[in-house]
Amino acid sequence: MGRGRKKGRDISGWLVIDKPAGVTSSAVVNKAKWALDANKAGHAGTLDPDATGVLAIAFGEATKTVPYITDALKAYEFTIRLGQATNTDDAEGTITEQTDLRPTDTEITSALGVFIGDIRQVPPQFSAVKVDGQRAYKLARDGEDLELAARDLWVESLDFVARPDADHVTLSLVCGKGGYVRAIARDLGAALGCFGHVRDLRRVWSGPFDAKDGISFELLDKLAKTGELDQYLLPLETGLEDLPELRCSIEAAARMRNGNPGMVLNSDVDYGDEAWASHDGQAVAIGTYRSGELHPSRVFAKPT
């Protein structure tokens, strides 16, 4: 008989990493999973390898809350290299067009308005969008010129931050799910007639998670396989901050954990709204509120 495969610890919660440049999001997740000896992990929103900032990693039962972080607003600060377009829309690509034209600060600020609100955005050629079942970046690497469909994007704000020099401008962006900062840089450069690509990018916050509260990759490595690292885990309930909370009794909690509707305390949640139920501050289920009951769609295991 072969040996049983070690699965790791049954831990639940969120760990916020301040991702460094030069490492993929998947590599960070794998490192964190190893460091915590966790049996299940996933992240809420990929960052490009050269991007830095918030990478929120969910463990165990917290992975059930990932969609709510993925759908939440996110904030970025990024610097655009003016005067050059690249095939990847960032500094890693090959320069495809360039010009000596440089817009003024006023011209840049005036151009930002068309990128705020409900906009349509064509993803970069080198992106994870699927084309006929294949990732766009794989086809682009093979030299294919792709015609990617435009996608809807909500942009909460896009603001001028600084002008380090004539060739660069730093902006801050708050947007919804599915936005490509590289596409903003590309399209803004096109609107200004000077081309542009992202030189550097940092995700400042994502939903309830902030970069200033994240741990460094170095600290993750230093505390790997020690109990000290557990102290940086945030409760799984952190991922539900944008949903209304409904408290319930221990009996109702048991019903919901079995997939059945359970009574919740009175609230101002409207009929048909999505909410989550808690008992003693711990998440029981996510579901739809109907006439005093929560009808669960996702349930959380009872803490051991």
C-alpha atoms as a PDB file:
ATOM      1  CA  MET A   1       0.000   0.000   0.000  1.00  0.00           C
ATOM      2  CA  GLY A   2       1.341   3.437  -0.968  1.00  0.00           C
ATOM      3  CA  ARG A   3       1.682   6.244   1.493  1.00  0.00           C
ATOM      4  CA  GLY A   4      -1.195   8.609   2.026  1.00  0.00           C
ATOM      5  CA  ARG A   5      -0.618  12.012   0.518  1.00  0.00           C
ATOM      6  CA  LYS A   6      -0.314  14.825   3.020  1.00  0.00           C
ATOM      7  CA  LYS A   7      -2.960  17.447   2.357  1.00  0.00           C
ATOM      8  CA  GLY A   8      -1.833  20.200   4.673  1.00  0.00           C
ATOM      9  CA  ARG A   9      -3.701  22.070   7.393  1.00  0.00           C
ATOM     10  CA  ASP A  10      -7.385  22.915   7.345  1.00  0.00           C
ATOM     11  CA  ILE A  11      -6.990  26.645   7.888  1.00  0.00           C
ATOM     12  CA  SER A  12      -9.377  29.381   6.771  1.00  0.00           C
ATOM     13  CA  GLY A  13      -8.823  33.092   6.342  1.00  0.00           C
ATOM     14  CA  TRP A  14      -7.180  35.757   4.217  1.00  0.00           C
ATOM     15  CA  LEU A  15      -3.516  36.688   3.907  1.00  0.00           C
ATOM     16  CA  VAL A  16      -2.614  39.965   2.208  1.00  0.00           C
ATOM     17  CA  ILE A  17       0.737  39.997   0.429  1.00  0.00           C
ATOM     18  CA  ASP A  18       2.391  43.157  -0.852  1.00  0.00           C
ATOM     19  CA  LYS A  19       3.558  41.481  -4.051  1.00  0.00           C
ATOM     20  CA  PRO A  20       6.980  42.478  -5.349  1.00  0.00           C
ATOM     21  CA  ALA A  21       7.790  42.968  -9.029  1.00  0.00           C
ATOM     22  CA  GLY A  22       9.267  40.071 -10.958  1.00  0.00           C
ATOM     23  CA  VAL A  23       7.120  37.247  -9.598  1.00  0.00           C
ATOM     24  CA  THR A  24       3.815  35.854 -10.844  1.00  0.00           C
ATOM     25  CA  SER A  25       0.631  35.862  -8.795  1.00  0.00           C
ATOM     26  CA  SER A  26       0.501  32.054  -8.987  1.00  0.00           C
ATOM     27  CA  ALA A  27       4.027  31.807  -7.577  1.00  0.00           C
ATOM     28  CA  VAL A  28       3.018  34.002  -4.626  1.00  0.00           C
ATOM     29  CA  VAL A  29      -0.043  31.861  -3.929  1.00  0.00           C
ATOM     30  CA  ASN A  30       2.017  28.664  -4.073  1.00  0.00           C
ATOM     31  CA  LYS A  31       4.619  30.173  -1.748  1.00  0.00           C
ATOM     32  CA  ALA A  32       1.973  31.270   0.763  1.00  0.00           C
ATOM     33  CA  LYS A  33       0.235  27.899   0.632  1.00  0.00           C
ATOM     34  CA  TRP A  34       3.551  26.173   1.334  1.00  0.00           C
ATOM     35  CA  ALA A  35       4.502  28.647   4.060  1.00  0.00           C
ATOM     36  CA  LEU A  36       1.229  28.080   5.930  1.00  0.00           C
ATOM     37  CA  ASP A  37       1.092  24.364   5.090  1.00  0.00           C
ATOM     38  CA  ALA A  38      -2.476  24.980   3.905  1.00  0.00           C
ATOM     39  CA  ASN A  39      -4.489  22.455   1.962  1.00  0.00           C
ATOM     40  CA  LYS A  40      -6.457  24.947  -0.136  1.00  0.00           C
ATOM     41  CA  ALA A  41      -5.676  28.436  -1.425  1.00  0.00           C
ATOM     42  CA  GLY A  42      -6.613  30.882  -4.172  1.00  0.00           C
ATOM     43  CA  HIS A  43      -6.228  34.578  -4.942  1.00  0.00           C
ATOM     44  CA  ALA A  44      -8.710  37.343  -5.721  1.00  0.00           C
ATOM     45  CA  GLY A  45      -7.382  39.012  -8.853  1.00  0.00           C
ATOM     46  CA  THR A  46      -4.194  38.442 -10.823  1.00  0.00           C
ATOM     47  CA  LEU A  47      -1.441  41.037 -10.965  1.00  0.00           C
ATOM     48  CA  ASP A  48       0.987  41.146 -13.894  1.00  0.00           C
ATOM     49  CA  PRO A  49       4.444  39.807 -12.959  1.00  0.00           C
ATOM     50  CA  ASP A  50       6.009  43.283 -12.967  1.00  0.00           C
ATOM     51  CA  ALA A  51       3.158  44.852 -10.965  1.00  0.00           C
ATOM     52  CA  THR A  52       3.338  45.303  -7.205  1.00  0.00           C
ATOM     53  CA  GLY A  53       0.846  45.716  -4.378  1.00  0.00           C
ATOM     54  CA  VAL A  54      -2.174  43.956  -2.955  1.00  0.00           C
ATOM     55  CA  LEU A  55      -2.506  40.256  -3.673  1.00  0.00           C
ATOM     56  CA  ALA A  56      -5.196  38.899  -1.364  1.00  0.00           C
ATOM     57  CA  ILE A  57      -4.943  35.138  -0.856  1.00  0.00           C
ATOM     58  CA  ALA A  58      -7.843  33.084   0.497  1.00  0.00           C
ATOM     59  CA  PHE A  59      -7.367  29.835   2.396  1.00  0.00           C
ATOM     60  CA  GLY A  60      -9.831  27.049   3.121  1.00  0.00           C
ATOM     61  CA  GLU A  61     -13.412  28.225   3.622  1.00  0.00           C
ATOM     62  CA  ALA A  62     -12.404  31.787   2.711  1.00  0.00           C
ATOM     63  CA  THR A  63     -12.061  30.677  -0.927  1.00  0.00           C
ATOM     64  CA  LYS A  64     -15.872  30.727  -1.031  1.00  0.00           C
ATOM     65  CA  THR A  65     -15.745  34.509  -0.595  1.00  0.00           C
ATOM     66  CA  VAL A  66     -13.257  35.136  -3.435  1.00  0.00           C
ATOM     67  CA  PRO A  67     -15.946  36.224  -5.957  1.00  0.00           C
ATOM     68  CA  TYR A  68     -16.954  39.100  -3.686  1.00  0.00           C
ATOM     69  CA  ILE A  69     -13.413  40.463  -3.641  1.00  0.00           C
ATOM     70  CA  THR A  70     -12.987  39.885  -7.372  1.00  0.00           C
ATOM     71  CA  ASP A  71     -16.151  41.929  -7.993  1.00  0.00           C
ATOM     72  CA  ALA A  72     -15.160  44.737  -5.600  1.00  0.00           C
ATOM     73  CA  LEU A  73     -13.598  48.058  -6.587  1.00  0.00           C
ATOM     74  CA  LYS A  74      -9.806  48.168  -6.798  1.00  0.00           C
ATOM     75  CA  ALA A  75      -7.369  51.087  -6.743  1.00  0.00           C
ATOM     76  CA  TYR A  76      -4.146  51.430  -8.712  1.00  0.00           C
ATOM     77  CA  GLU A  77      -1.359  53.963  -9.033  1.00  0.00           C
ATOM     78  CA  PHE A  78       0.609  53.724 -12.251  1.00  0.00           C
ATOM     79  CA  THR A  79       3.092  55.620 -14.374  1.00  0.00           C
ATOM     80  CA  ILE A  80       2.712  55.937 -18.130  1.00  0.00           C
ATOM     81  CA  ARG A  81       5.690  56.277 -20.454  1.00  0.00           C
ATOM     82  CA  LEU A  82       4.537  58.840 -23.003  1.00  0.00           C
ATOM     83  CA  GLY A  83       5.720  58.878 -26.602  1.00  0.00           C
ATOM     84  CA  GLN A  84       5.984  55.116 -27.067  1.00  0.00           C
ATOM     85  CA  ALA A  85       3.557  52.279 -27.825  1.00  0.00           C
ATOM     86  CA  THR A  86       4.574  48.657 -27.220  1.00  0.00           C
ATOM     87  CA  ASN A  87       3.057  45.382 -28.345  1.00  0.00           C
ATOM     88  CA  THR A  88       2.329  44.422 -24.724  1.00  0.00           C
ATOM     89  CA  ASP A  89       1.208  47.902 -23.586  1.00  0.00           C
ATOM     90  CA  ASP A  90       3.873  47.810 -20.874  1.00  0.00           C
ATOM     91  CA  ALA A  91       7.633  48.235 -20.584  1.00  0.00           C
ATOM     92  CA  GLU A  92       8.318  44.533 -21.233  1.00  0.00           C
ATOM     93  CA  GLY A  93       7.170  44.726 -24.834  1.00  0.00           C
ATOM     94  CA  THR A  94       8.740  45.786 -28.094  1.00  0.00           C
ATOM     95  CA  ILE A  95       8.284  49.410 -29.143  1.00  0.00           C
ATOM     96  CA  THR A  96       5.913  49.505 -32.110  1.00  0.00           C
ATOM     97  CA  GLU A  97       5.384  53.281 -32.523  1.00  0.00           C
ATOM     98  CA  GLN A  98       6.896  56.428 -31.097  1.00  0.00           C
ATOM     99  CA  THR A  99       6.769  60.195 -31.398  1.00  0.00           C
ATOM    100  CA  ASP A 100       8.441  63.305 -29.992  1.00  0.00           C
ATOM    101  CA  LEU A 101       5.055  64.835 -29.199  1.00  0.00           C
ATOM    102  CA  ARG A 102       4.463  65.391 -25.467  1.00  0.00           C
ATOM    103  CA  PRO A 103       1.137  66.661 -24.103  1.00  0.00           C
ATOM    104  CA  THR A 104       0.945  69.284 -21.381  1.00  0.00           C
ATOM    105  CA  ASP A 105      -0.371  68.556 -17.888  1.00  0.00           C
ATOM    106  CA  THR A 106      -3.571  70.407 -18.782  1.00  0.00           C
ATOM    107  CA  GLU A 107      -4.063  68.350 -21.937  1.00  0.00           C
ATOM    108  CA  ILE A 108      -3.588  65.128 -19.993  1.00  0.00           C
ATOM    109  CA  THR A 109      -6.010  66.154 -17.252  1.00  0.00           C
ATOM    110  CA  SER A 110      -8.614  67.238 -19.816  1.00  0.00           C
ATOM    111  CA  ALA A 111      -8.394  63.863 -21.593  1.00  0.00           C
ATOM    112  CA  LEU A 112      -9.084  61.783 -18.483  1.00  0.00           C
ATOM    113  CA  GLY A 113     -12.829  62.482 -18.409  1.00  0.00           C
ATOM    114  CA  VAL A 114     -13.711  60.123 -21.271  1.00  0.00           C
ATOM    115  CA  PHE A 115     -12.222  57.227 -19.298  1.00  0.00           C
ATOM    116  CA  ILE A 116     -14.493  57.721 -16.261  1.00  0.00           C
ATOM    117  CA  GLY A 117     -17.868  56.034 -15.731  1.00  0.00           C
ATOM    118  CA  ASP A 118     -19.167  53.207 -17.895  1.00  0.00           C
ATOM    119  CA  ILE A 119     -16.612  52.708 -20.643  1.00  0.00           C
ATOM    120  CA  ARG A 120     -15.752  50.086 -23.236  1.00  0.00           C
ATOM    121  CA  GLN A 121     -12.232  48.709 -23.194  1.00  0.00           C
ATOM    122  CA  VAL A 122     -10.378  46.401 -25.586  1.00  0.00           C
ATOM    123  CA  PRO A 123      -8.016  44.121 -23.616  1.00  0.00           C
ATOM    124  CA  PRO A 124      -4.314  44.141 -24.487  1.00  0.00           C
ATOM    125  CA  GLN A 125      -3.116  41.636 -27.091  1.00  0.00           C
ATOM    126  CA  PHE A 126      -0.990  40.060 -24.373  1.00  0.00           C
ATOM    127  CA  SER A 127      -3.745  39.235 -21.883  1.00  0.00           C
ATOM    128  CA  ALA A 128      -5.452  36.194 -20.393  1.00  0.00           C
ATOM    129  CA  VAL A 129      -8.606  36.701 -22.456  1.00  0.00           C
ATOM    130  CA  LYS A 130      -9.625  33.515 -24.260  1.00  0.00           C
ATOM    131  CA  VAL A 131      -9.833  33.408 -28.056  1.00  0.00           C
ATOM    132  CA  ASP A 132     -11.260  30.183 -29.481  1.00  0.00           C
ATOM    133  CA  GLY A 133     -10.339  28.410 -26.264  1.00  0.00           C
ATOM    134  CA  GLN A 134      -6.767  29.717 -26.124  1.00  0.00           C
ATOM    135  CA  ARG A 135      -5.254  32.541 -24.071  1.00  0.00           C
ATOM    136  CA  ALA A 136      -4.672  35.694 -26.096  1.00  0.00           C
ATOM    137  CA  TYR A 137      -1.094  36.063 -24.870  1.00  0.00           C
ATOM    138  CA  LYS A 138      -0.182  32.635 -26.239  1.00  0.00           C
ATOM    139  CA  LEU A 139      -1.540  33.527 -29.672  1.00  0.00           C
ATOM    140  CA  ALA A 140       0.144  36.932 -29.542  1.00  0.00           C
ATOM    141  CA  ARG A 141       3.475  35.280 -28.752  1.00  0.00           C
ATOM    142  CA  ASP A 142       3.039  33.227 -31.910  1.00  0.00           C
ATOM    143  CA  GLY A 143       2.765  36.436 -33.892  1.00  0.00           C
ATOM    144  CA  GLU A 144      -0.991  36.485 -34.432  1.00  0.00           C
ATOM    145  CA  ASP A 145      -2.666  39.894 -34.722  1.00  0.00           C
ATOM    146  CA  LEU A 146      -5.803  39.511 -32.634  1.00  0.00           C
ATOM    147  CA  GLU A 147      -9.086  41.383 -32.872  1.00  0.00           C
ATOM    148  CA  LEU A 148     -10.297  41.271 -29.274  1.00  0.00           C
ATOM    149  CA  ALA A 149     -13.827  42.317 -28.426  1.00  0.00           C
ATOM    150  CA  ALA A 150     -14.352  45.405 -26.294  1.00  0.00           C
ATOM    151  CA  ARG A 151     -15.585  44.837 -22.739  1.00  0.00           C
ATOM    152  CA  ASP A 152     -17.623  46.914 -20.342  1.00  0.00           C
ATOM    153  CA  LEU A 153     -15.730  48.480 -17.440  1.00  0.00           C
ATOM    154  CA  TRP A 154     -16.819  50.745 -14.606  1.00  0.00           C
ATOM    155  CA  VAL A 155     -14.231  53.406 -13.782  1.00  0.00           C
ATOM    156  CA  GLU A 156     -14.976  55.153 -10.505  1.00  0.00           C
ATOM    157  CA  SER A 157     -12.174  57.689 -10.868  1.00  0.00           C
ATOM    158  CA  LEU A 158      -9.033  58.456 -12.885  1.00  0.00           C
ATOM    159  CA  ASP A 159      -6.895  61.274 -11.508  1.00  0.00           C
ATOM    160  CA  PHE A 160      -3.674  63.079 -12.356  1.00  0.00           C
ATOM    161  CA  VAL A 161      -1.108  62.491  -9.578  1.00  0.00           C
ATOM    162  CA  ALA A 162       2.263  63.774 -10.793  1.00  0.00           C
ATOM    163  CA  ARG A 163       4.424  64.574 -13.818  1.00  0.00           C
ATOM    164  CA  PRO A 164       7.910  63.274 -12.938  1.00  0.00           C
ATOM    165  CA  ASP A 165       9.267  64.542 -16.256  1.00  0.00           C
ATOM    166  CA  ALA A 166       8.166  65.264 -19.808  1.00  0.00           C
ATOM    167  CA  ASP A 167       8.159  61.561 -20.714  1.00  0.00           C
ATOM    168  CA  HIS A 168       6.100  60.290 -17.775  1.00  0.00           C
ATOM    169  CA  VAL A 169       2.820  60.911 -15.983  1.00  0.00           C
ATOM    170  CA  THR A 170       1.536  59.177 -12.853  1.00  0.00           C
ATOM    171  CA  LEU A 171      -2.197  58.545 -12.456  1.00  0.00           C
ATOM    172  CA  SER A 172      -4.474  56.927  -9.881  1.00  0.00           C
ATOM    173  CA  LEU A 173      -7.349  54.688 -10.955  1.00  0.00           C
ATOM    174  CA  VAL A 174     -10.299  53.152  -9.134  1.00  0.00           C
ATOM    175  CA  CYS A 175     -12.228  50.659 -11.228  1.00  0.00           C
ATOM    176  CA  GLY A 176     -14.418  47.588 -11.144  1.00  0.00           C
ATOM    177  CA  LYS A 177     -13.900  44.001 -12.184  1.00  0.00           C
ATOM    178  CA  GLY A 178     -12.007  43.137 -15.350  1.00  0.00           C
ATOM    179  CA  GLY A 179     -10.158  46.372 -15.961  1.00  0.00           C
ATOM    180  CA  TYR A 180      -6.770  46.484 -17.702  1.00  0.00           C
ATOM    181  CA  VAL A 181      -4.564  49.366 -16.579  1.00  0.00           C
ATOM    182  CA  ARG A 182      -2.359  48.726 -19.603  1.00  0.00           C
ATOM    183  CA  ALA A 183      -5.362  49.385 -21.856  1.00  0.00           C
ATOM    184  CA  ILE A 184      -6.031  52.687 -20.061  1.00  0.00           C
ATOM    185  CA  ALA A 185      -2.420  53.746 -20.712  1.00  0.00           C
ATOM    186  CA  ARG A 186      -2.601  52.654 -24.359  1.00  0.00           C
ATOM    187  CA  ASP A 187      -5.931  54.369 -25.030  1.00  0.00           C
ATOM    188  CA  LEU A 188      -5.017  57.566 -23.194  1.00  0.00           C
ATOM    189  CA  GLY A 189      -1.810  57.781 -25.231  1.00  0.00           C
ATOM    190  CA  ALA A 190      -3.832  57.312 -28.410  1.00  0.00           C
ATOM    191  CA  ALA A 191      -6.334  60.005 -27.354  1.00  0.00           C
ATOM    192  CA  LEU A 192      -3.465  62.423 -26.707  1.00  0.00           C
ATOM    193  CA  GLY A 193      -1.827  61.532 -30.015  1.00  0.00           C
ATOM    194  CA  CYS A 194       1.457  60.637 -28.351  1.00  0.00           C
ATOM    195  CA  PHE A 195       1.146  56.880 -27.665  1.00  0.00           C
ATOM    196  CA  GLY A 196       1.781  55.429 -24.220  1.00  0.00           C
ATOM    197  CA  HIS A 197       2.449  52.310 -22.203  1.00  0.00           C
ATOM    198  CA  VAL A 198       2.612  51.369 -18.519  1.00  0.00           C
ATOM    199  CA  ARG A 199       6.076  51.732 -17.020  1.00  0.00           C
ATOM    200  CA  ASP A 200       5.140  50.630 -13.491  1.00  0.00           C
ATOM    201  CA  LEU A 201       1.948  49.639 -11.722  1.00  0.00           C
ATOM    202  CA  ARG A 202       0.905  49.203  -8.099  1.00  0.00           C
ATOM    203  CA  ARG A 203      -2.429  47.947  -6.730  1.00  0.00           C
ATOM    204  CA  VAL A 204      -3.024  50.116  -3.689  1.00  0.00           C
ATOM    205  CA  TRP A 205      -6.145  48.397  -2.412  1.00  0.00           C
ATOM    206  CA  SER A 206      -8.649  45.749  -3.420  1.00  0.00           C
ATOM    207  CA  GLY A 207     -12.038  45.736  -1.701  1.00  0.00           C
ATOM    208  CA  PRO A 208     -11.306  45.669   2.055  1.00  0.00           C
ATOM    209  CA  PHE A 209      -7.612  44.849   1.622  1.00  0.00           C
ATOM    210  CA  ASP A 210      -4.913  47.548   1.611  1.00  0.00           C
ATOM    211  CA  ALA A 211      -1.281  47.289   0.517  1.00  0.00           C
ATOM    212  CA  LYS A 212      -0.086  49.013   3.681  1.00  0.00           C
ATOM    213  CA  ASP A 213      -1.511  46.113   5.690  1.00  0.00           C
ATOM    214  CA  GLY A 214       0.113  43.446   3.512  1.00  0.00           C
ATOM    215  CA  ILE A 215       3.217  41.505   4.448  1.00  0.00           C
ATOM    216  CA  SER A 216       6.287  41.477   2.243  1.00  0.00           C
ATOM    217  CA  PHE A 217       7.464  38.469   0.274  1.00  0.00           C
ATOM    218  CA  GLU A 218      10.594  38.496   2.427  1.00  0.00           C
ATOM    219  CA  LEU A 219       8.580  38.305   5.659  1.00  0.00           C
ATOM    220  CA  LEU A 220       6.467  35.509   4.202  1.00  0.00           C
ATOM    221  CA  ASP A 221       9.655  33.545   3.576  1.00  0.00           C
ATOM    222  CA  LYS A 222      11.102  34.388   6.987  1.00  0.00           C
ATOM    223  CA  LEU A 223       7.995  33.243   8.901  1.00  0.00           C
ATOM    224  CA  ALA A 224       7.274  30.215   6.699  1.00  0.00           C
ATOM    225  CA  LYS A 225       6.277  27.083   8.630  1.00  0.00           C
ATOM    226  CA  THR A 226       6.069  28.992  11.938  1.00  0.00           C
ATOM    227  CA  GLY A 227       3.092  29.822  14.112  1.00  0.00           C
ATOM    228  CA  GLU A 228       3.952  33.503  13.819  1.00  0.00           C
ATOM    229  CA  LEU A 229       2.671  33.586  10.243  1.00  0.00           C
ATOM    230  CA  ASP A 230      -0.815  32.551  11.416  1.00  0.00           C
ATOM    231  CA  GLN A 231      -1.059  35.864  13.263  1.00  0.00           C
ATOM    232  CA  TYR A 232      -1.267  37.686   9.937  1.00  0.00           C
ATOM    233  CA  LEU A 233      -4.322  35.721   8.801  1.00  0.00           C
ATOM    234  CA  LEU A 234      -7.517  37.775   8.580  1.00  0.00           C
ATOM    235  CA  PRO A 235     -10.926  36.170   9.249  1.00  0.00           C
ATOM    236  CA  LEU A 236     -12.761  34.744   6.253  1.00  0.00           C
ATOM    237  CA  GLU A 237     -15.574  37.172   7.109  1.00  0.00           C
ATOM    238  CA  THR A 238     -13.321  40.008   5.895  1.00  0.00           C
ATOM    239  CA  GLY A 239     -14.188  38.951   2.360  1.00  0.00           C
ATOM    240  CA  LEU A 240     -17.893  39.586   3.022  1.00  0.00           C
ATOM    241  CA  GLU A 241     -17.685  43.225   4.103  1.00  0.00           C
ATOM    242  CA  ASP A 242     -19.641  44.438   1.076  1.00  0.00           C
ATOM    243  CA  LEU A 243     -22.593  42.156   1.845  1.00  0.00           C
ATOM    244  CA  PRO A 244     -25.153  42.806   4.616  1.00  0.00           C
ATOM    245  CA  GLU A 245     -24.787  40.568   7.657  1.00  0.00           C
ATOM    246  CA  LEU A 246     -27.804  38.820   9.207  1.00  0.00           C
ATOM    247  CA  ARG A 247     -27.475  37.208  12.630  1.00  0.00           C
ATOM    248  CA  CYS A 248     -29.092  33.885  13.408  1.00  0.00           C
ATOM    249  CA  SER A 249     -29.548  31.367  16.202  1.00  0.00           C
ATOM    250  CA  ILE A 250     -27.517  28.196  16.613  1.00  0.00           C
ATOM    251  CA  GLU A 251     -30.525  26.184  15.403  1.00  0.00           C
ATOM    252  CA  ALA A 252     -30.881  28.288  12.255  1.00  0.00           C
ATOM    253  CA  ALA A 253     -27.143  28.020  11.669  1.00  0.00           C
ATOM    254  CA  ALA A 254     -27.388  24.231  11.733  1.00  0.00           C
ATOM    255  CA  ARG A 255     -30.243  24.302   9.213  1.00  0.00           C
ATOM    256  CA  MET A 256     -28.359  26.569   6.815  1.00  0.00           C
ATOM    257  CA  ARG A 257     -25.163  24.545   7.044  1.00  0.00           C
ATOM    258  CA  ASN A 258     -27.274  21.613   5.835  1.00  0.00           C
ATOM    259  CA  GLY A 259     -28.449  23.665   2.869  1.00  0.00           C
ATOM    260  CA  ASN A 260     -31.883  24.558   4.231  1.00  0.00           C
ATOM    261  CA  PRO A 261     -33.410  28.035   4.754  1.00  0.00           C
ATOM    262  CA  GLY A 262     -32.896  29.415   8.245  1.00  0.00           C
ATOM    263  CA  MET A 263     -34.521  32.207  10.223  1.00  0.00           C
ATOM    264  CA  VAL A 264     -32.480  35.391  10.653  1.00  0.00           C
ATOM    265  CA  LEU A 265     -33.011  38.431  12.840  1.00  0.00           C
ATOM    266  CA  ASN A 266     -35.010  41.349  11.455  1.00  0.00           C
ATOM    267  CA  SER A 267     -33.080  43.713   9.237  1.00  0.00           C
ATOM    268  CA  ASP A 268     -33.480  46.356   6.548  1.00  0.00           C
ATOM    269  CA  VAL A 269     -32.379  43.908   3.838  1.00  0.00           C
ATOM    270  CA  ASP A 270     -34.883  43.824   0.987  1.00  0.00           C
ATOM    271  CA  TYR A 271     -36.599  40.681  -0.219  1.00  0.00           C
ATOM    272  CA  GLY A 272     -34.388  38.933  -2.768  1.00  0.00           C
ATOM    273  CA  ASP A 273     -31.166  40.677  -1.707  1.00  0.00           C
ATOM    274  CA  GLU A 274     -27.953  38.710  -1.255  1.00  0.00           C
ATOM    275  CA  ALA A 275     -26.630  38.610   2.319  1.00  0.00           C
ATOM    276  CA  TRP A 276     -24.691  36.417   4.704  1.00  0.00           C
ATOM    277  CA  ALA A 277     -25.755  34.865   7.981  1.00  0.00           C
ATOM    278  CA  SER A 278     -23.585  34.708  11.081  1.00  0.00           C
ATOM    279  CA  HIS A 279     -23.727  33.106  14.497  1.00  0.00           C
ATOM    280  CA  ASP A 280     -21.460  34.403  17.246  1.00  0.00           C
ATOM    281  CA  GLY A 281     -19.672  36.503  14.628  1.00  0.00           C
ATOM    282  CA  GLN A 282     -18.752  33.553  12.425  1.00  0.00           C
ATOM    283  CA  ALA A 283     -20.002  33.100   8.874  1.00  0.00           C
ATOM    284  CA  VAL A 284     -22.638  30.419   8.413  1.00  0.00           C
ATOM    285  CA  ALA A 285     -23.863  30.887   4.846  1.00  0.00           C
ATOM    286  CA  ILE A 286     -24.293  33.249   1.922  1.00  0.00           C
ATOM    287  CA  GLY A 287     -27.656  33.331   0.254  1.00  0.00           C
ATOM    288  CA  THR A 288     -30.848  35.169  -0.664  1.00  0.00           C
ATOM    289  CA  TYR A 289     -33.018  36.871   1.936  1.00  0.00           C
ATOM    290  CA  ARG A 290     -36.724  36.026   1.726  1.00  0.00           C
ATOM    291  CA  SER A 291     -39.377  36.826   4.324  1.00  0.00           C
ATOM    292  CA  GLY A 292     -37.226  36.482   7.426  1.00  0.00           C
ATOM    293  CA  GLU A 293     -35.133  33.580   6.146  1.00  0.00           C
ATOM    294  CA  LEU A 294     -31.816  33.226   4.377  1.00  0.00           C
ATOM    295  CA  HIS A 295     -31.870  30.684   1.571  1.00  0.00           C
ATOM    296  CA  PRO A 296     -28.249  29.519   1.326  1.00  0.00           C
ATOM    297  CA  SER A 297     -26.283  29.272  -1.908  1.00  0.00           C
ATOM    298  CA  ARG A 298     -22.888  28.824  -0.226  1.00  0.00           C
ATOM    299  CA  VAL A 299     -22.390  27.380   3.231  1.00  0.00           C
ATOM    300  CA  PHE A 300     -19.373  27.490   5.540  1.00  0.00           C
ATOM    301  CA  ALA A 301     -18.169  24.565   7.610  1.00  0.00           C
ATOM    302  CA  LYS A 302     -18.559  24.922  11.350  1.00  0.00           C
ATOM    303  CA  PRO A 303     -15.249  26.059  12.865  1.00  0.00           C
ATOM    304  CA  THR A 304     -13.437  23.289  14.708  1.00  0.00           C
END
